[in-house]
PDB file of all heavy atoms in Angstrom:
ATOM      1  N   GLN A   1       3.240 -32.662  22.434  1.00  0.00           N
ATOM      2  CA  GLN A   1       3.868 -31.340  22.359  1.00  0.00           C
ATOM      3  C   GLN A   1       5.262 -31.403  21.737  1.00  0.00           C
ATOM      4  O   GLN A   1       5.892 -30.362  21.539  1.00  0.00           O
ATOM      5  CB  GLN A   1       3.998 -30.729  23.761  1.00  0.00           C
ATOM      6  CG  GLN A   1       2.687 -30.512  24.490  1.00  0.00           C
ATOM      7  CD  GLN A   1       2.923 -30.185  25.951  1.00  0.00           C
ATOM      8  OE1 GLN A   1       2.560 -30.939  26.846  1.00  0.00           O
ATOM      9  NE2 GLN A   1       3.567 -29.060  26.213  1.00  0.00           N
ATOM     10  N   LEU A   2       5.735 -32.602  21.458  1.00  0.00           N
ATOM     11  CA  LEU A   2       7.097 -32.796  20.975  1.00  0.00           C
ATOM     12  C   LEU A   2       7.114 -33.117  19.490  1.00  0.00           C
ATOM     13  O   LEU A   2       6.469 -34.064  19.039  1.00  0.00           O
ATOM     14  CB  LEU A   2       7.768 -33.929  21.762  1.00  0.00           C
ATOM     15  CG  LEU A   2       9.176 -34.347  21.338  1.00  0.00           C
ATOM     16  CD1 LEU A   2      10.175 -33.206  21.507  1.00  0.00           C
ATOM     17  CD2 LEU A   2       9.626 -35.574  22.136  1.00  0.00           C
ATOM     18  N   TYR A   3       7.856 -32.326  18.716  1.00  0.00           N
ATOM     19  CA  TYR A   3       8.013 -32.527  17.277  1.00  0.00           C
ATOM     20  C   TYR A   3       9.513 -32.678  17.009  1.00  0.00           C
ATOM     21  O   TYR A   3      10.186 -31.729  16.616  1.00  0.00           O
ATOM     22  CB  TYR A   3       7.423 -31.356  16.494  1.00  0.00           C
ATOM     23  CG  TYR A   3       6.009 -31.019  16.913  1.00  0.00           C
ATOM     24  CD1 TYR A   3       5.756 -30.003  17.840  1.00  0.00           C
ATOM     25  CD2 TYR A   3       4.930 -31.733  16.393  1.00  0.00           C
ATOM     26  CE1 TYR A   3       4.464 -29.712  18.232  1.00  0.00           C
ATOM     27  CE2 TYR A   3       3.625 -31.437  16.788  1.00  0.00           C
ATOM     28  CZ  TYR A   3       3.400 -30.423  17.714  1.00  0.00           C
ATOM     29  OH  TYR A   3       2.120 -30.135  18.108  1.00  0.00           O
ATOM     30  N   ILE A   4      10.005 -33.883  17.256  1.00  0.00           N
ATOM     31  CA  ILE A   4      11.445 -34.079  17.268  1.00  0.00           C
ATOM     32  C   ILE A   4      12.059 -33.956  15.882  1.00  0.00           C
ATOM     33  O   ILE A   4      13.195 -33.485  15.740  1.00  0.00           O
ATOM     34  CB  ILE A   4      11.796 -35.438  17.930  1.00  0.00           C
ATOM     35  CG1 ILE A   4      13.276 -35.452  18.343  1.00  0.00           C
ATOM     36  CG2 ILE A   4      11.431 -36.615  17.035  1.00  0.00           C
ATOM     37  CD1 ILE A   4      13.628 -36.533  19.328  1.00  0.00           C
ATOM     38  N   GLN A   5      11.353 -34.363  14.840  1.00  0.00           N
ATOM     39  CA  GLN A   5      11.882 -34.236  13.483  1.00  0.00           C
ATOM     40  C   GLN A   5      12.036 -32.770  13.087  1.00  0.00           C
ATOM     41  O   GLN A   5      12.996 -32.384  12.436  1.00  0.00           O
ATOM     42  CB  GLN A   5      10.965 -34.953  12.477  1.00  0.00           C
ATOM     43  CG  GLN A   5      10.898 -36.463  12.661  1.00  0.00           C
ATOM     44  CD  GLN A   5      12.265 -37.128  12.473  1.00  0.00           C
ATOM     45  OE1 GLN A   5      13.071 -36.716  11.646  1.00  0.00           O
ATOM     46  NE2 GLN A   5      12.517 -38.168  13.262  1.00  0.00           N
ATOM     47  N   GLU A   6      11.075 -31.962  13.510  1.00  0.00           N
ATOM     48  CA  GLU A   6      11.115 -30.520  13.210  1.00  0.00           C
ATOM     49  C   GLU A   6      11.956 -29.754  14.227  1.00  0.00           C
ATOM     50  O   GLU A   6      12.194 -28.566  14.067  1.00  0.00           O
ATOM     51  CB  GLU A   6       9.707 -29.941  13.200  1.00  0.00           C
ATOM     52  CG  GLU A   6       8.814 -30.471  12.088  1.00  0.00           C
ATOM     53  CD  GLU A   6       8.218 -31.838  12.406  1.00  0.00           C
ATOM     54  OE1 GLU A   6       8.404 -32.320  13.550  1.00  0.00           O
ATOM     55  OE2 GLU A   6       7.601 -32.446  11.516  1.00  0.00           O
ATOM     56  N   ARG A   7      12.380 -30.451  15.301  1.00  0.00           N
ATOM     57  CA  ARG A   7      13.151 -29.846  16.382  1.00  0.00           C
ATOM     58  C   ARG A   7      12.406 -28.667  16.997  1.00  0.00           C
ATOM     59  O   ARG A   7      12.927 -27.580  17.153  1.00  0.00           O
ATOM     60  CB  ARG A   7      14.543 -29.422  15.902  1.00  0.00           C
ATOM     61  CG  ARG A   7      15.482 -30.606  15.750  1.00  0.00           C
ATOM     62  CD  ARG A   7      16.805 -30.292  15.112  1.00  0.00           C
ATOM     63  NE  ARG A   7      17.328 -28.981  15.402  1.00  0.00           N
ATOM     64  CZ  ARG A   7      18.318 -28.419  14.712  1.00  0.00           C
ATOM     65  NH1 ARG A   7      18.872 -29.054  13.705  1.00  0.00           N
ATOM     66  NH2 ARG A   7      18.769 -27.222  15.031  1.00  0.00           N
ATOM     67  N   MET A   8      11.173 -28.949  17.383  1.00  0.00           N
ATOM     68  CA  MET A   8      10.341 -27.938  18.025  1.00  0.00           C
ATOM     69  C   MET A   8       9.482 -28.582  19.105  1.00  0.00           C
ATOM     70  O   MET A   8       9.183 -29.772  19.044  1.00  0.00           O
ATOM     71  CB  MET A   8       9.422 -27.243  17.006  1.00  0.00           C
ATOM     72  CG  MET A   8      10.130 -26.330  16.033  1.00  0.00           C
ATOM     73  SD  MET A   8       8.958 -25.419  15.001  1.00  0.00           S
ATOM     74  CE  MET A   8      10.075 -24.365  14.071  1.00  0.00           C
ATOM     75  N   ILE A   9       9.113 -27.780  20.084  1.00  0.00           N
ATOM     76  CA  ILE A   9       8.157 -28.230  21.086  1.00  0.00           C
ATOM     77  C   ILE A   9       7.069 -27.165  21.241  1.00  0.00           C
ATOM     78  O   ILE A   9       7.299 -25.977  21.002  1.00  0.00           O
ATOM     79  CB  ILE A   9       8.800 -28.504  22.470  1.00  0.00           C
ATOM     80  CG1 ILE A   9       9.536 -27.269  22.993  1.00  0.00           C
ATOM     81  CG2 ILE A   9       9.718 -29.704  22.419  1.00  0.00           C
ATOM     82  CD1 ILE A   9      10.041 -27.432  24.418  1.00  0.00           C
ATOM     83  N   ARG A  10       5.893 -27.628  21.607  1.00  0.00           N
ATOM     84  CA  ARG A  10       4.773 -26.720  21.904  1.00  0.00           C
ATOM     85  C   ARG A  10       4.669 -26.635  23.417  1.00  0.00           C
ATOM     86  O   ARG A  10       4.333 -27.598  24.086  1.00  0.00           O
ATOM     87  CB  ARG A  10       3.475 -27.266  21.289  1.00  0.00           C
ATOM     88  CG  ARG A  10       2.256 -26.402  21.543  1.00  0.00           C
ATOM     89  CD  ARG A  10       1.077 -26.898  20.708  1.00  0.00           C
ATOM     90  NE  ARG A  10       0.819 -28.308  20.954  1.00  0.00           N
ATOM     91  CZ  ARG A  10       0.031 -28.773  21.926  1.00  0.00           C
ATOM     92  NH1 ARG A  10      -0.545 -27.926  22.770  1.00  0.00           N
ATOM     93  NH2 ARG A  10      -0.167 -30.067  22.064  1.00  0.00           N
ATOM     94  N   VAL A  11       4.990 -25.487  23.931  1.00  0.00           N
ATOM     95  CA  VAL A  11       5.070 -25.304  25.381  1.00  0.00           C
ATOM     96  C   VAL A  11       3.768 -24.705  25.892  1.00  0.00           C
ATOM     97  O   VAL A  11       3.239 -23.752  25.318  1.00  0.00           O
ATOM     98  CB  VAL A  11       6.247 -24.377  25.755  1.00  0.00           C
ATOM     99  CG1 VAL A  11       6.363 -24.260  27.276  1.00  0.00           C
ATOM    100  CG2 VAL A  11       7.550 -24.896  25.161  1.00  0.00           C
ATOM    101  N   ILE A  12       3.258 -25.265  26.979  1.00  0.00           N
ATOM    102  CA  ILE A  12       2.089 -24.712  27.648  1.00  0.00           C
ATOM    103  C   ILE A  12       2.589 -24.040  28.916  1.00  0.00           C
ATOM    104  O   ILE A  12       2.977 -24.691  29.876  1.00  0.00           O
ATOM    105  CB  ILE A  12       1.058 -25.808  27.973  1.00  0.00           C
ATOM    106  CG1 ILE A  12       0.630 -26.517  26.687  1.00  0.00           C
ATOM    107  CG2 ILE A  12      -0.156 -25.201  28.682  1.00  0.00           C
ATOM    108  CD1 ILE A  12      -0.284 -27.693  26.909  1.00  0.00           C
ATOM    109  N   GLY A  13       2.612 -22.714  28.888  1.00  0.00           N
ATOM    110  CA  GLY A  13       3.193 -21.946  29.978  1.00  0.00           C
ATOM    111  C   GLY A  13       2.166 -21.453  30.978  1.00  0.00           C
ATOM    112  O   GLY A  13       1.107 -22.059  31.175  1.00  0.00           O
ATOM    113  N   LYS A  14       2.476 -20.324  31.591  1.00  0.00           N
ATOM    114  CA  LYS A  14       1.599 -19.744  32.599  1.00  0.00           C
ATOM    115  C   LYS A  14       0.270 -19.329  31.973  1.00  0.00           C
ATOM    116  O   LYS A  14       0.224 -18.877  30.840  1.00  0.00           O
ATOM    117  CB  LYS A  14       2.272 -18.523  33.239  1.00  0.00           C
ATOM    118  CG  LYS A  14       3.477 -18.869  34.108  1.00  0.00           C
ATOM    119  CD  LYS A  14       4.031 -17.613  34.759  1.00  0.00           C
ATOM    120  CE  LYS A  14       5.183 -17.945  35.699  1.00  0.00           C
ATOM    121  NZ  LYS A  14       5.740 -16.731  36.339  1.00  0.00           N
ATOM    122  N   ARG A  15      -0.794 -19.500  32.760  1.00  0.00           N
ATOM    123  CA  ARG A  15      -2.153 -19.163  32.320  1.00  0.00           C
ATOM    124  C   ARG A  15      -2.510 -19.871  31.013  1.00  0.00           C
ATOM    125  O   ARG A  15      -3.234 -19.346  30.173  1.00  0.00           O
ATOM    126  CB  ARG A  15      -2.319 -17.644  32.188  1.00  0.00           C
ATOM    127  CG  ARG A  15      -2.191 -16.908  33.527  1.00  0.00           C
ATOM    128  CD  ARG A  15      -2.310 -15.412  33.361  1.00  0.00           C
ATOM    129  NE  ARG A  15      -1.160 -14.865  32.665  1.00  0.00           N
ATOM    130  CZ  ARG A  15      -0.001 -14.566  33.253  1.00  0.00           C
ATOM    131  NH1 ARG A  15       0.145 -14.782  34.568  1.00  0.00           N
ATOM    132  NH2 ARG A  15       0.998 -14.058  32.570  1.00  0.00           N
ATOM    133  N   LYS A  16      -1.954 -21.076  30.832  1.00  0.00           N
ATOM    134  CA  LYS A  16      -2.241 -21.937  29.679  1.00  0.00           C
ATOM    135  C   LYS A  16      -1.853 -21.295  28.341  1.00  0.00           C
ATOM    136  O   LYS A  16      -2.348 -21.701  27.291  1.00  0.00           O
ATOM    137  CB  LYS A  16      -3.727 -22.320  29.649  1.00  0.00           C
ATOM    138  CG  LYS A  16      -4.226 -23.013  30.913  1.00  0.00           C
ATOM    139  CD  LYS A  16      -3.507 -24.337  31.143  1.00  0.00           C
ATOM    140  CE  LYS A  16      -4.057 -25.047  32.377  1.00  0.00           C
ATOM    141  NZ  LYS A  16      -3.356 -26.332  32.654  1.00  0.00           N
ATOM    142  N   LYS A  17      -0.960 -20.328  28.400  1.00  0.00           N
ATOM    143  CA  LYS A  17      -0.515 -19.675  27.172  1.00  0.00           C
ATOM    144  C   LYS A  17       0.443 -20.596  26.426  1.00  0.00           C
ATOM    145  O   LYS A  17       1.396 -21.112  27.010  1.00  0.00           O
ATOM    146  CB  LYS A  17       0.174 -18.353  27.510  1.00  0.00           C
ATOM    147  CG  LYS A  17       0.643 -17.567  26.295  1.00  0.00           C
ATOM    148  CD  LYS A  17       1.319 -16.268  26.713  1.00  0.00           C
ATOM    149  CE  LYS A  17       1.823 -15.511  25.500  1.00  0.00           C
ATOM    150  NZ  LYS A  17       2.526 -14.254  25.893  1.00  0.00           N
ATOM    151  N   GLU A  18       0.201 -20.795  25.139  1.00  0.00           N
ATOM    152  CA  GLU A  18       1.031 -21.699  24.345  1.00  0.00           C
ATOM    153  C   GLU A  18       2.038 -20.922  23.495  1.00  0.00           C
ATOM    154  O   GLU A  18       1.768 -19.807  23.062  1.00  0.00           O
ATOM    155  CB  GLU A  18       0.155 -22.561  23.432  1.00  0.00           C
ATOM    156  CG  GLU A  18      -0.729 -23.534  24.174  1.00  0.00           C
ATOM    157  CD  GLU A  18      -1.407 -24.525  23.241  1.00  0.00           C
ATOM    158  OE1 GLU A  18      -1.079 -24.530  22.036  1.00  0.00           O
ATOM    159  OE2 GLU A  18      -2.260 -25.294  23.715  1.00  0.00           O
ATOM    160  N   ARG A  19       3.184 -21.561  23.281  1.00  0.00           N
ATOM    161  CA  ARG A  19       4.193 -20.991  22.392  1.00  0.00           C
ATOM    162  C   ARG A  19       4.962 -22.129  21.732  1.00  0.00           C
ATOM    163  O   ARG A  19       5.047 -23.230  22.289  1.00  0.00           O
ATOM    164  CB  ARG A  19       5.152 -20.072  23.157  1.00  0.00           C
ATOM    165  CG  ARG A  19       6.036 -20.761  24.198  1.00  0.00           C
ATOM    166  CD  ARG A  19       6.804 -19.736  25.029  1.00  0.00           C
ATOM    167  NE  ARG A  19       7.850 -20.322  25.866  1.00  0.00           N
ATOM    168  CZ  ARG A  19       7.640 -20.835  27.075  1.00  0.00           C
ATOM    169  NH1 ARG A  19       6.420 -20.845  27.589  1.00  0.00           N
ATOM    170  NH2 ARG A  19       8.652 -21.344  27.779  1.00  0.00           N
ATOM    171  N   ILE A  20       5.490 -21.878  20.571  1.00  0.00           N
ATOM    172  CA  ILE A  20       6.311 -22.853  19.865  1.00  0.00           C
ATOM    173  C   ILE A  20       7.767 -22.437  20.002  1.00  0.00           C
ATOM    174  O   ILE A  20       8.123 -21.288  19.715  1.00  0.00           O
ATOM    175  CB  ILE A  20       5.930 -22.925  18.370  1.00  0.00           C
ATOM    176  CG1 ILE A  20       4.472 -23.350  18.206  1.00  0.00           C
ATOM    177  CG2 ILE A  20       6.855 -23.895  17.630  1.00  0.00           C
ATOM    178  CD1 ILE A  20       4.169 -24.751  18.701  1.00  0.00           C
ATOM    179  N   VAL A  21       8.606 -23.372  20.456  1.00  0.00           N
ATOM    180  CA  VAL A  21      10.013 -23.059  20.689  1.00  0.00           C
ATOM    181  C   VAL A  21      10.892 -24.104  19.980  1.00  0.00           C
ATOM    182  O   VAL A  21      10.704 -25.307  20.180  1.00  0.00           O
ATOM    183  CB  VAL A  21      10.354 -23.058  22.197  1.00  0.00           C
ATOM    184  CG1 VAL A  21      11.806 -22.621  22.420  1.00  0.00           C
ATOM    185  CG2 VAL A  21       9.406 -22.140  22.967  1.00  0.00           C
ATOM    186  N   PRO A  22      11.833 -23.671  19.161  1.00  0.00           N
ATOM    187  CA  PRO A  22      12.754 -24.616  18.514  1.00  0.00           C
ATOM    188  C   PRO A  22      13.850 -25.043  19.488  1.00  0.00           C
ATOM    189  O   PRO A  22      14.117 -24.346  20.468  1.00  0.00           O
ATOM    190  CB  PRO A  22      13.345 -23.790  17.360  1.00  0.00           C
ATOM    191  CG  PRO A  22      13.305 -22.390  17.873  1.00  0.00           C
ATOM    192  CD  PRO A  22      12.062 -22.283  18.714  1.00  0.00           C
ATOM    193  N   PHE A  23      14.471 -26.182  19.239  1.00  0.00           N
ATOM    194  CA  PHE A  23      15.620 -26.586  20.063  1.00  0.00           C
ATOM    195  C   PHE A  23      16.771 -26.995  19.151  1.00  0.00           C
ATOM    196  O   PHE A  23      16.593 -27.301  17.976  1.00  0.00           O
ATOM    197  CB  PHE A  23      15.261 -27.691  21.063  1.00  0.00           C
ATOM    198  CG  PHE A  23      14.598 -28.905  20.484  1.00  0.00           C
ATOM    199  CD1 PHE A  23      15.345 -29.943  19.948  1.00  0.00           C
ATOM    200  CD2 PHE A  23      13.209 -29.036  20.508  1.00  0.00           C
ATOM    201  CE1 PHE A  23      14.740 -31.087  19.436  1.00  0.00           C
ATOM    202  CE2 PHE A  23      12.583 -30.169  20.006  1.00  0.00           C
ATOM    203  CZ  PHE A  23      13.346 -31.194  19.468  1.00  0.00           C
ATOM    204  N   GLY A  24      17.968 -26.995  19.719  1.00  0.00           N
ATOM    205  CA  GLY A  24      19.189 -27.209  18.940  1.00  0.00           C
ATOM    206  C   GLY A  24      19.500 -28.660  18.636  1.00  0.00           C
ATOM    207  O   GLY A  24      18.829 -29.593  19.091  1.00  0.00           O
ATOM    208  N   GLU A  25      20.543 -28.842  17.852  1.00  0.00           N
ATOM    209  CA  GLU A  25      20.961 -30.178  17.419  1.00  0.00           C
ATOM    210  C   GLU A  25      21.368 -31.067  18.582  1.00  0.00           C
ATOM    211  O   GLU A  25      21.066 -32.262  18.598  1.00  0.00           O
ATOM    212  CB  GLU A  25      22.123 -30.055  16.430  1.00  0.00           C
ATOM    213  CG  GLU A  25      21.749 -29.403  15.114  1.00  0.00           C
ATOM    214  CD  GLU A  25      22.951 -29.269  14.192  1.00  0.00           C
ATOM    215  OE1 GLU A  25      23.997 -29.870  14.501  1.00  0.00           O
ATOM    216  OE2 GLU A  25      22.843 -28.574  13.175  1.00  0.00           O
ATOM    217  N   GLU A  26      22.070 -30.488  19.549  1.00  0.00           N
ATOM    218  CA  GLU A  26      22.526 -31.294  20.682  1.00  0.00           C
ATOM    219  C   GLU A  26      21.342 -31.801  21.491  1.00  0.00           C
ATOM    220  O   GLU A  26      21.308 -32.965  21.917  1.00  0.00           O
ATOM    221  CB  GLU A  26      23.460 -30.483  21.566  1.00  0.00           C
ATOM    222  CG  GLU A  26      24.088 -31.263  22.708  1.00  0.00           C
ATOM    223  CD  GLU A  26      25.049 -32.357  22.246  1.00  0.00           C
ATOM    224  OE1 GLU A  26      25.514 -32.310  21.085  1.00  0.00           O
ATOM    225  OE2 GLU A  26      25.336 -33.268  23.063  1.00  0.00           O
ATOM    226  N   ALA A  27      20.352 -30.943  21.708  1.00  0.00           N
ATOM    227  CA  ALA A  27      19.151 -31.366  22.433  1.00  0.00           C
ATOM    228  C   ALA A  27      18.414 -32.450  21.661  1.00  0.00           C
ATOM    229  O   ALA A  27      17.916 -33.423  22.248  1.00  0.00           O
ATOM    230  CB  ALA A  27      18.237 -30.167  22.680  1.00  0.00           C
ATOM    231  N   ALA A  28      18.335 -32.313  20.334  1.00  0.00           N
ATOM    232  CA  ALA A  28      17.673 -33.328  19.505  1.00  0.00           C
ATOM    233  C   ALA A  28      18.398 -34.667  19.606  1.00  0.00           C
ATOM    234  O   ALA A  28      17.767 -35.730  19.718  1.00  0.00           O
ATOM    235  CB  ALA A  28      17.624 -32.862  18.049  1.00  0.00           C
ATOM    236  N   LYS A  29      19.712 -34.624  19.574  1.00  0.00           N
ATOM    237  CA  LYS A  29      20.523 -35.846  19.682  1.00  0.00           C
ATOM    238  C   LYS A  29      20.290 -36.537  21.025  1.00  0.00           C
ATOM    239  O   LYS A  29      20.089 -37.761  21.088  1.00  0.00           O
ATOM    240  CB  LYS A  29      21.996 -35.483  19.521  1.00  0.00           C
ATOM    241  CG  LYS A  29      22.964 -36.606  19.840  1.00  0.00           C
ATOM    242  CD  LYS A  29      24.397 -36.089  19.820  1.00  0.00           C
ATOM    243  CE  LYS A  29      25.377 -37.132  20.348  1.00  0.00           C
ATOM    244  NZ  LYS A  29      26.768 -36.604  20.385  1.00  0.00           N
ATOM    245  N   ARG A  30      20.305 -35.757  22.098  1.00  0.00           N
ATOM    246  CA  ARG A  30      20.141 -36.334  23.436  1.00  0.00           C
ATOM    247  C   ARG A  30      18.721 -36.834  23.655  1.00  0.00           C
ATOM    248  O   ARG A  30      18.509 -37.848  24.339  1.00  0.00           O
ATOM    249  CB  ARG A  30      20.518 -35.291  24.489  1.00  0.00           C
ATOM    250  CG  ARG A  30      21.953 -34.842  24.427  1.00  0.00           C
ATOM    251  CD  ARG A  30      22.908 -35.971  24.742  1.00  0.00           C
ATOM    252  NE  ARG A  30      24.314 -35.567  24.587  1.00  0.00           N
ATOM    253  CZ  ARG A  30      25.347 -36.321  24.957  1.00  0.00           C
ATOM    254  NH1 ARG A  30      25.143 -37.510  25.507  1.00  0.00           N
ATOM    255  NH2 ARG A  30      26.578 -35.883  24.765  1.00  0.00           N
TER     256      ARG A  30
END
């Protein structure tokens, strides 16, 4: 679910609903 180069994650939420969420530079660094 982790696409660190693209700075995105594929989240599996409630009722197995999926969404793509980007994350910031600081999160990528850490």
